[in-house]
Amino acid sequence: MLALAVGCQTASAQPQMPILQALTESLPPLNYEHDGKITGFASELLDLMAAEAGVSLQKQILPWVRAYDRATKPGDTVLYSLVRTPEREPLFRWVGPIGPRRILLYKWADRTDIQLKSLDDARAYRIATTLESAATKNLIKQGFVPMPVDGAASGLEQGVNDEQNMRKFIAKRVDLLVSLDWAAAYNAKNAGMDPADLAPALVLDESLAYWYGLNLAVAPDVAKRLNAALQKLRNDGRYAQLRQKYLLKAASK
């Protein structure tokens, strides 16, 4: 009873913070599940930010399309890791950035026949990419089209996540793979492929960053608190320590 009374006094003295439903996909090493726990650089960073800001979280991993759909409907949700694009700008309250985003096209190292000098050179190949991702949408804007049937000569083979795309790449169902630079090595190693067999073929984009996207139904003060917490983590060195733990280690594999 004493604990309940203290909780009530605290709640009455401070604004009530919502329990944020933190929605994410499997995108290691940013966010993924390990031993039944949702972890990764962006997930641990969000935990630290929430603790600093006094915000409670309930995290859930979903296919990206489902996570994005839920996050854009009214509710106390935060979606991550989310690329901040002009099209998405009015859809969320933005917290971040989490970190840089460098997207490349990869090929098998022994595919010397694939020489990409420009994006147009990639049109002749089958490309594994993720459904509804910012990178996929950008390729479609550039005139790339989804493969109409499995085994088509060229086009976008859209998978639900990076792991599925890596399996298609290893099985040689596709010629090229769209991936974050540090995530490519991580996923290759986890799928049993030697990362040395994965060779960059072309840089697609390095102009954007990953962010947390709060639903517009979430109070602006929550975004302000989380942004302030992130800045504190940058200032006191915890952000750099976490980055060293995940991103740099993944990039060096």
Protein backbone atom coordinates (compact mmCIF):
# COMPACT_ATOMS: atom_id res chain seq x y z
CA MET A 1 0.00 0.00 0.00
CA LEU A 2 2.89 2.35 0.77
CA ALA A 3 4.40 1.78 -2.67
CA LEU A 4 1.03 2.50 -4.28
CA ALA A 5 0.68 5.77 -2.35
CA VAL A 6 4.15 6.91 -3.38
CA GLY A 7 3.38 6.08 -7.00
CA CYS A 8 0.18 8.11 -6.87
CA GLN A 9 1.95 11.13 -5.38
CA THR A 10 4.63 10.95 -8.07
CA ALA A 11 2.04 10.68 -10.81
CA SER A 12 0.15 13.70 -9.51
CA ALA A 13 3.32 15.79 -9.20
CA GLN A 14 4.54 15.14 -12.76
CA PRO A 15 2.84 14.97 -16.16
CA GLN A 16 1.78 11.44 -17.01
CA MET A 17 4.11 9.98 -19.64
CA PRO A 18 2.58 7.48 -22.09
CA ILE A 19 3.76 3.90 -22.49
CA LEU A 20 5.21 4.00 -25.97
CA GLN A 21 4.73 0.98 -28.20
CA ALA A 22 8.18 0.80 -29.81
CA LEU A 23 7.81 -0.93 -33.17
CA THR A 24 10.79 -2.14 -35.14
CA GLU A 25 11.94 -4.73 -37.67
CA SER A 26 14.81 -7.17 -37.69
CA LEU A 27 17.66 -5.01 -39.00
CA PRO A 28 20.82 -6.11 -37.20
CA PRO A 29 22.91 -4.71 -35.73
CA LEU A 30 20.55 -1.74 -35.31
CA ASN A 31 17.56 -3.71 -34.06
CA TYR A 32 17.04 -7.46 -33.78
CA GLU A 33 15.98 -10.22 -31.39
CA HIS A 34 18.52 -12.29 -29.46
CA ASP A 35 17.62 -14.90 -26.83
CA GLY A 36 14.06 -13.58 -26.69
CA LYS A 37 15.12 -9.97 -26.16
CA ILE A 38 14.91 -7.08 -28.62
CA THR A 39 18.38 -5.59 -28.72
CA GLY A 40 20.82 -3.85 -31.07
CA PHE A 41 22.31 -0.37 -31.25
CA ALA A 42 19.07 1.54 -31.87
CA SER A 43 17.12 -0.57 -29.35
CA GLU A 44 19.65 -0.12 -26.54
CA LEU A 45 19.98 3.57 -27.36
CA LEU A 46 16.20 3.97 -27.13
CA ASP A 47 16.21 2.18 -23.76
CA LEU A 48 18.80 4.63 -22.43
CA MET A 49 16.92 7.63 -23.83
CA ALA A 50 13.61 6.45 -22.38
CA ALA A 51 15.16 5.92 -18.94
CA GLU A 52 16.58 9.47 -19.01
CA ALA A 53 13.28 10.93 -20.23
CA GLY A 54 11.03 9.01 -17.84
CA VAL A 55 9.21 7.24 -20.69
CA SER A 56 8.11 3.60 -20.54
CA LEU A 57 8.51 1.30 -23.55
CA GLN A 58 6.99 -1.90 -24.84
CA LYS A 59 9.04 -3.13 -27.80
CA GLN A 60 7.87 -5.40 -30.58
CA ILE A 61 9.52 -6.73 -33.75
CA LEU A 62 7.26 -6.95 -36.81
CA PRO A 63 7.73 -7.18 -40.57
CA TRP A 64 8.50 -3.64 -41.71
CA VAL A 65 5.27 -3.20 -43.66
CA ARG A 66 3.15 -4.07 -40.61
CA ALA A 67 5.25 -1.95 -38.27
CA TYR A 68 5.02 1.06 -40.58
CA ASP A 69 1.27 0.63 -41.03
CA ARG A 70 0.67 0.55 -37.27
CA ALA A 71 2.99 3.48 -36.63
CA THR A 72 1.12 5.72 -39.06
CA LYS A 73 -2.26 5.07 -37.45
CA PRO A 74 -3.21 7.08 -34.32
CA GLY A 75 -1.60 5.69 -31.18
CA ASP A 76 1.27 6.02 -28.71
CA THR A 77 3.85 4.45 -30.99
CA VAL A 78 7.46 5.04 -31.97
CA LEU A 79 8.87 3.45 -35.11
CA TYR A 80 12.56 2.72 -35.64
CA SER A 81 15.03 2.63 -37.30
CA LEU A 82 13.32 5.01 -39.70
CA VAL A 83 14.90 6.90 -42.59
CA ARG A 84 13.88 10.56 -42.50
CA THR A 85 12.76 11.44 -46.04
CA PRO A 86 10.81 14.45 -47.38
CA GLU A 87 7.78 12.21 -48.01
CA ARG A 88 7.76 11.00 -44.40
CA GLU A 89 8.58 14.37 -42.83
CA PRO A 90 4.96 15.37 -41.98
CA LEU A 91 3.99 11.88 -40.77
CA PHE A 92 6.02 11.71 -37.54
CA ARG A 93 7.52 13.64 -34.65
CA TRP A 94 11.23 13.11 -35.21
CA VAL A 95 13.76 12.13 -32.56
CA GLY A 96 17.40 11.68 -33.48
CA PRO A 97 19.33 11.09 -35.56
CA ILE A 98 20.24 7.56 -34.49
CA GLY A 99 23.16 7.32 -36.89
CA PRO A 100 24.23 7.55 -40.55
CA ARG A 101 22.79 5.41 -43.30
CA ARG A 102 24.99 4.25 -46.17
CA ILE A 103 23.24 2.02 -48.69
CA LEU A 104 25.19 -0.02 -51.24
CA LEU A 105 24.59 -2.55 -53.95
CA TYR A 106 26.63 -5.69 -53.28
CA LYS A 107 27.68 -8.52 -55.59
CA TRP A 108 29.57 -11.76 -55.16
CA ALA A 109 33.29 -10.95 -55.18
CA ASP A 110 33.88 -13.45 -57.99
CA ARG A 111 31.24 -11.86 -60.25
CA THR A 112 33.79 -9.98 -62.33
CA ASP A 113 31.19 -9.75 -65.10
CA ILE A 114 29.21 -7.25 -62.99
CA GLN A 115 30.82 -3.83 -63.32
CA LEU A 116 28.54 -0.97 -62.27
CA LYS A 117 29.70 2.50 -63.24
CA SER A 118 26.26 4.03 -62.68
CA LEU A 119 22.83 3.04 -61.42
CA ASP A 120 21.67 2.49 -65.00
CA ASP A 121 24.14 -0.39 -65.27
CA ALA A 122 22.20 -2.23 -62.53
CA ARG A 123 18.98 -2.38 -64.56
CA ALA A 124 20.06 -5.57 -66.28
CA TYR A 125 20.23 -7.55 -63.02
CA ARG A 126 18.00 -9.14 -60.41
CA ILE A 127 18.24 -7.07 -57.23
CA ALA A 128 17.26 -8.19 -53.70
CA THR A 129 15.74 -5.35 -51.71
CA THR A 130 13.30 -4.89 -48.83
CA LEU A 131 9.60 -4.26 -49.37
CA GLU A 132 8.49 -0.71 -48.46
CA SER A 133 11.99 0.40 -47.46
CA ALA A 134 13.18 3.89 -48.34
CA ALA A 135 15.90 2.41 -50.56
CA THR A 136 13.33 0.35 -52.48
CA LYS A 137 11.03 3.33 -52.95
CA ASN A 138 13.95 5.36 -54.27
CA LEU A 139 14.84 2.64 -56.79
CA ILE A 140 11.23 2.51 -57.95
CA LYS A 141 11.31 6.29 -58.40
CA GLN A 142 14.38 5.77 -60.58
CA GLY A 143 12.36 3.46 -62.82
CA PHE A 144 13.22 0.05 -61.39
CA VAL A 145 10.27 -2.34 -61.33
CA PRO A 146 9.39 -5.33 -59.12
CA MET A 147 10.12 -8.69 -60.72
CA PRO A 148 6.76 -9.97 -62.07
CA VAL A 149 7.61 -13.63 -61.41
CA ASP A 150 10.33 -15.51 -59.61
CA GLY A 151 13.28 -16.11 -61.91
CA ALA A 152 12.72 -13.05 -64.11
CA ALA A 153 15.82 -11.77 -65.88
CA SER A 154 15.90 -8.41 -64.08
CA GLY A 155 14.05 -6.20 -61.60
CA LEU A 156 13.51 -5.86 -57.85
CA GLU A 157 13.02 -9.02 -55.80
CA GLN A 158 11.39 -7.58 -52.66
CA GLY A 159 11.85 -9.52 -49.44
CA VAL A 160 10.35 -8.85 -46.01
CA ASN A 161 13.72 -8.27 -44.31
CA ASP A 162 17.50 -8.29 -44.76
CA GLU A 163 17.88 -11.88 -43.59
CA GLN A 164 15.53 -13.16 -46.30
CA ASN A 165 17.31 -11.07 -48.91
CA MET A 166 20.69 -12.44 -47.84
CA ARG A 167 19.39 -16.01 -48.17
CA LYS A 168 18.23 -15.25 -51.72
CA PHE A 169 21.61 -13.74 -52.50
CA ILE A 170 23.49 -16.75 -51.13
CA ALA A 171 21.20 -19.09 -53.10
CA LYS A 172 22.04 -16.97 -56.19
CA ARG A 173 18.40 -16.27 -56.91
CA VAL A 174 19.49 -12.64 -57.35
CA ASP A 175 22.60 -10.95 -58.73
CA LEU A 176 22.78 -7.88 -56.50
CA LEU A 177 21.87 -7.13 -52.90
CA VAL A 178 20.76 -3.79 -51.42
CA SER A 179 22.08 -3.37 -47.88
CA LEU A 180 23.50 -1.04 -45.27
CA ASP A 181 27.28 -1.26 -45.35
CA TRP A 182 27.80 -2.54 -41.77
CA ALA A 183 24.66 -4.70 -41.84
CA ALA A 184 25.80 -6.54 -44.97
CA ALA A 185 28.82 -8.10 -43.24
CA TYR A 186 26.75 -8.91 -40.14
CA ASN A 187 24.01 -10.69 -42.10
CA ALA A 188 26.46 -12.51 -44.35
CA LYS A 189 28.35 -13.92 -41.37
CA ASN A 190 25.13 -14.97 -39.59
CA ALA A 191 23.92 -16.74 -42.75
CA GLY A 192 27.13 -18.76 -42.99
CA MET A 193 28.72 -16.73 -45.78
CA ASP A 194 32.27 -15.42 -45.61
CA PRO A 195 31.86 -11.60 -45.63
CA ALA A 196 34.97 -11.44 -47.82
CA ASP A 197 32.87 -12.98 -50.62
CA LEU A 198 30.61 -9.91 -50.50
CA ALA A 199 31.90 -7.05 -52.64
CA PRO A 200 30.54 -3.47 -52.93
CA ALA A 201 29.36 -2.82 -56.48
CA LEU A 202 27.88 0.69 -56.20
CA VAL A 203 27.00 3.25 -53.53
CA LEU A 204 23.26 3.98 -53.78
CA ASP A 205 22.92 6.63 -51.11
CA GLU A 206 24.81 8.11 -48.19
CA SER A 207 22.87 11.36 -47.77
CA LEU A 208 20.33 10.33 -45.12
CA ALA A 209 20.25 9.10 -41.53
CA TYR A 210 18.15 6.84 -39.31
CA TRP A 211 15.75 8.38 -36.78
CA TYR A 212 13.00 7.44 -34.33
CA GLY A 213 9.55 8.40 -35.61
CA LEU A 214 6.91 9.18 -32.98
CA ASN A 215 3.27 9.03 -33.98
CA LEU A 216 1.69 12.48 -34.26
CA ALA A 217 -0.74 11.48 -31.49
CA VAL A 218 2.17 11.45 -29.03
CA ALA A 219 2.54 14.74 -27.14
CA PRO A 220 5.30 17.06 -28.47
CA ASP A 221 6.80 17.16 -24.97
CA VAL A 222 7.66 13.45 -25.24
CA ALA A 223 9.69 14.06 -28.39
CA LYS A 224 11.37 17.02 -26.69
CA ARG A 225 12.31 14.90 -23.65
CA LEU A 226 13.68 12.08 -25.81
CA ASN A 227 15.72 14.46 -27.96
CA ALA A 228 17.17 16.06 -24.83
CA ALA A 229 18.00 12.62 -23.46
CA LEU A 230 19.77 11.68 -26.71
CA GLN A 231 21.83 14.85 -26.56
CA LYS A 232 22.82 14.04 -22.98
CA LEU A 233 23.95 10.56 -24.07
CA ARG A 234 26.06 12.10 -26.82
CA ASN A 235 27.60 14.58 -24.41
CA ASP A 236 28.48 12.10 -21.67
CA GLY A 237 30.02 9.50 -23.99
CA ARG A 238 27.45 6.74 -23.67
CA TYR A 239 26.33 7.13 -27.29
CA ALA A 240 29.92 6.66 -28.53
CA GLN A 241 30.40 3.62 -26.28
CA LEU A 242 27.25 2.00 -27.63
CA ARG A 243 28.24 2.74 -31.21
CA GLN A 244 31.62 1.10 -30.59
CA LYS A 245 29.84 -1.96 -29.21
CA TYR A 246 27.61 -2.48 -32.23
CA LEU A 247 28.28 -0.54 -35.38
CA LEU A 248 32.06 -0.42 -35.58
CA LYS A 249 32.35 -4.05 -34.55
CA ALA A 250 29.89 -5.07 -37.23
CA ALA A 251 31.66 -3.04 -39.90
CA SER A 252 35.00 -4.68 -39.09
CA LYS A 253 33.76 -8.27 -39.40
